[in-house]
Amino acid sequence: MPHDPSQNFIHRFPQPLDAVFLPKSVAVIGAKDTMGSVGRTILVNLLEGKWEGNLYPVNPK
């Protein structure tokens, strides 16, 4: 397979949307113990999906 020179550029320079699509950490706002809540569902999906970054569950109570 031929080498694509554009791949060198992509890997050498951070892209403007990397922070959105490739985050190093995620805060889940509204994470709570209530089964079926959106915050809990997102948190469980990240944990079961083997999220490797920092995870911050946030619940104001």
N, C-alpha and C. Protein backbone atom coordinates (compact mmCIF):
# COMPACT_ATOMS: atom_id res chain seq x y z
N MET A 1 0.84 -1.18 0.00
CA MET A 1 0.00 0.00 0.00
C MET A 1 0.89 1.25 0.00
N PRO A 2 0.67 2.18 -0.89
CA PRO A 2 1.51 3.37 -0.97
C PRO A 2 1.37 4.26 0.28
N HIS A 3 2.46 4.93 0.60
CA HIS A 3 2.47 5.84 1.76
C HIS A 3 1.72 7.12 1.42
N ASP A 4 0.85 7.55 2.31
CA ASP A 4 0.08 8.78 2.12
C ASP A 4 0.76 9.90 2.91
N PRO A 5 1.42 10.86 2.24
CA PRO A 5 2.14 11.93 2.94
C PRO A 5 1.24 12.78 3.83
N SER A 6 -0.04 12.84 3.55
CA SER A 6 -0.93 13.65 4.38
C SER A 6 -1.03 13.08 5.79
N GLN A 7 -0.78 11.79 5.96
CA GLN A 7 -0.83 11.17 7.28
C GLN A 7 0.28 11.72 8.18
N ASN A 8 1.44 12.05 7.62
CA ASN A 8 2.51 12.65 8.41
C ASN A 8 2.06 13.97 9.01
N PHE A 9 1.39 14.79 8.22
CA PHE A 9 0.91 16.09 8.68
C PHE A 9 -0.11 15.91 9.80
N ILE A 10 -1.02 14.97 9.62
CA ILE A 10 -2.08 14.75 10.60
C ILE A 10 -1.50 14.35 11.95
N HIS A 11 -0.48 13.52 11.96
CA HIS A 11 0.08 13.03 13.22
C HIS A 11 1.07 14.00 13.86
N ARG A 12 1.63 14.91 13.10
CA ARG A 12 2.61 15.84 13.65
C ARG A 12 1.99 17.08 14.27
N PHE A 13 0.86 17.52 13.76
CA PHE A 13 0.25 18.75 14.22
C PHE A 13 -1.13 18.48 14.81
N PRO A 14 -1.38 18.94 16.03
CA PRO A 14 -2.70 18.74 16.63
C PRO A 14 -3.77 19.41 15.77
N GLN A 15 -4.87 18.76 15.64
CA GLN A 15 -5.97 19.29 14.86
C GLN A 15 -6.89 20.09 15.79
N PRO A 16 -7.57 21.11 15.27
CA PRO A 16 -8.41 21.97 16.12
C PRO A 16 -9.52 21.22 16.86
N LEU A 17 -10.01 20.13 16.34
CA LEU A 17 -11.12 19.43 16.97
C LEU A 17 -10.69 18.19 17.76
N ASP A 18 -9.39 17.97 17.89
CA ASP A 18 -8.91 16.81 18.65
C ASP A 18 -9.42 16.83 20.09
N ALA A 19 -9.49 18.00 20.70
CA ALA A 19 -9.95 18.08 22.09
C ALA A 19 -11.41 17.64 22.22
N VAL A 20 -12.19 17.79 21.16
CA VAL A 20 -13.59 17.39 21.19
C VAL A 20 -13.74 15.91 20.89
N PHE A 21 -13.05 15.43 19.86
CA PHE A 21 -13.25 14.06 19.40
C PHE A 21 -12.26 13.05 19.99
N LEU A 22 -11.15 13.53 20.55
CA LEU A 22 -10.15 12.65 21.17
C LEU A 22 -9.77 13.19 22.55
N PRO A 23 -10.74 13.33 23.45
CA PRO A 23 -10.44 13.94 24.75
C PRO A 23 -9.58 13.03 25.62
N LYS A 24 -8.82 13.65 26.51
CA LYS A 24 -8.01 12.90 27.48
C LYS A 24 -8.79 12.68 28.76
N SER A 25 -9.83 13.48 28.97
CA SER A 25 -10.68 13.32 30.14
C SER A 25 -12.11 13.73 29.78
N VAL A 26 -13.06 13.20 30.56
CA VAL A 26 -14.48 13.48 30.33
C VAL A 26 -15.15 13.71 31.68
N ALA A 27 -15.94 14.78 31.77
CA ALA A 27 -16.79 15.01 32.94
C ALA A 27 -18.21 14.67 32.54
N VAL A 28 -18.85 13.81 33.30
CA VAL A 28 -20.24 13.44 33.04
C VAL A 28 -21.11 14.23 34.00
N ILE A 29 -21.74 15.28 33.48
CA ILE A 29 -22.60 16.14 34.29
C ILE A 29 -23.94 15.44 34.49
N GLY A 30 -24.39 15.38 35.73
CA GLY A 30 -25.67 14.75 36.02
C GLY A 30 -25.55 13.26 36.32
N ALA A 31 -24.34 12.79 36.59
CA ALA A 31 -24.16 11.37 36.93
C ALA A 31 -24.80 11.11 38.28
N LYS A 32 -25.70 10.15 38.33
CA LYS A 32 -26.34 9.81 39.60
C LYS A 32 -26.64 8.32 39.65
N ASP A 33 -27.13 7.88 40.80
CA ASP A 33 -27.38 6.45 41.03
C ASP A 33 -28.71 5.97 40.44
N THR A 34 -29.55 6.87 39.97
CA THR A 34 -30.87 6.50 39.48
C THR A 34 -30.77 5.68 38.20
N MET A 35 -31.27 4.45 38.27
CA MET A 35 -31.27 3.58 37.08
C MET A 35 -32.04 4.25 35.95
N GLY A 36 -31.48 4.21 34.75
CA GLY A 36 -32.15 4.76 33.58
C GLY A 36 -31.91 6.24 33.36
N SER A 37 -31.24 6.92 34.29
CA SER A 37 -30.97 8.34 34.07
C SER A 37 -29.92 8.49 32.97
N VAL A 38 -29.98 9.60 32.28
CA VAL A 38 -29.05 9.83 31.17
C VAL A 38 -27.61 9.86 31.68
N GLY A 39 -27.37 10.57 32.78
CA GLY A 39 -26.01 10.66 33.33
C GLY A 39 -25.45 9.31 33.71
N ARG A 40 -26.27 8.49 34.37
CA ARG A 40 -25.82 7.15 34.75
C ARG A 40 -25.54 6.29 33.52
N THR A 41 -26.42 6.37 32.53
CA THR A 41 -26.25 5.58 31.31
C THR A 41 -24.94 5.93 30.61
N ILE A 42 -24.65 7.21 30.51
CA ILE A 42 -23.40 7.64 29.87
C ILE A 42 -22.20 7.15 30.67
N LEU A 43 -22.27 7.29 31.98
CA LEU A 43 -21.17 6.86 32.85
C LEU A 43 -20.93 5.35 32.72
N VAL A 44 -21.99 4.57 32.76
CA VAL A 44 -21.87 3.11 32.63
C VAL A 44 -21.30 2.75 31.27
N ASN A 45 -21.76 3.41 30.21
CA ASN A 45 -21.24 3.12 28.87
C ASN A 45 -19.75 3.41 28.78
N LEU A 46 -19.30 4.50 29.37
CA LEU A 46 -17.87 4.81 29.36
C LEU A 46 -17.07 3.77 30.14
N LEU A 47 -17.57 3.38 31.29
CA LEU A 47 -16.87 2.39 32.11
C LEU A 47 -16.84 1.02 31.45
N GLU A 48 -17.97 0.59 30.90
CA GLU A 48 -18.02 -0.72 30.24
C GLU A 48 -17.29 -0.72 28.91
N GLY A 49 -17.15 0.46 28.31
CA GLY A 49 -16.42 0.58 27.05
C GLY A 49 -14.93 0.70 27.24
N LYS A 50 -14.48 0.52 28.48
CA LYS A 50 -13.05 0.54 28.81
C LYS A 50 -12.41 1.90 28.51
N TRP A 51 -13.10 2.98 28.88
CA TRP A 51 -12.56 4.32 28.73
C TRP A 51 -11.20 4.39 29.41
N GLU A 52 -10.18 4.89 28.73
CA GLU A 52 -8.82 4.91 29.26
C GLU A 52 -8.39 6.26 29.80
N GLY A 53 -9.20 7.28 29.55
CA GLY A 53 -8.85 8.62 30.04
C GLY A 53 -9.37 8.85 31.45
N ASN A 54 -9.22 10.07 31.92
CA ASN A 54 -9.76 10.45 33.22
C ASN A 54 -11.27 10.61 33.10
N LEU A 55 -11.99 10.16 34.12
CA LEU A 55 -13.44 10.22 34.12
C LEU A 55 -13.89 10.92 35.40
N TYR A 56 -14.69 11.98 35.24
CA TYR A 56 -15.14 12.77 36.38
C TYR A 56 -16.67 12.80 36.43
N PRO A 57 -17.29 11.94 37.26
CA PRO A 57 -18.74 12.02 37.43
C PRO A 57 -19.08 13.25 38.28
N VAL A 58 -20.03 14.06 37.82
CA VAL A 58 -20.40 15.28 38.51
C VAL A 58 -21.89 15.24 38.84
N ASN A 59 -22.19 15.42 40.13
CA ASN A 59 -23.57 15.51 40.59
C ASN A 59 -23.60 16.61 41.64
N PRO A 60 -24.39 17.66 41.42
CA PRO A 60 -24.37 18.81 42.33
C PRO A 60 -24.90 18.54 43.73
N LYS A 61 -25.51 17.39 43.98
CA LYS A 61 -26.06 17.12 45.31
C LYS A 61 -25.03 16.54 46.24
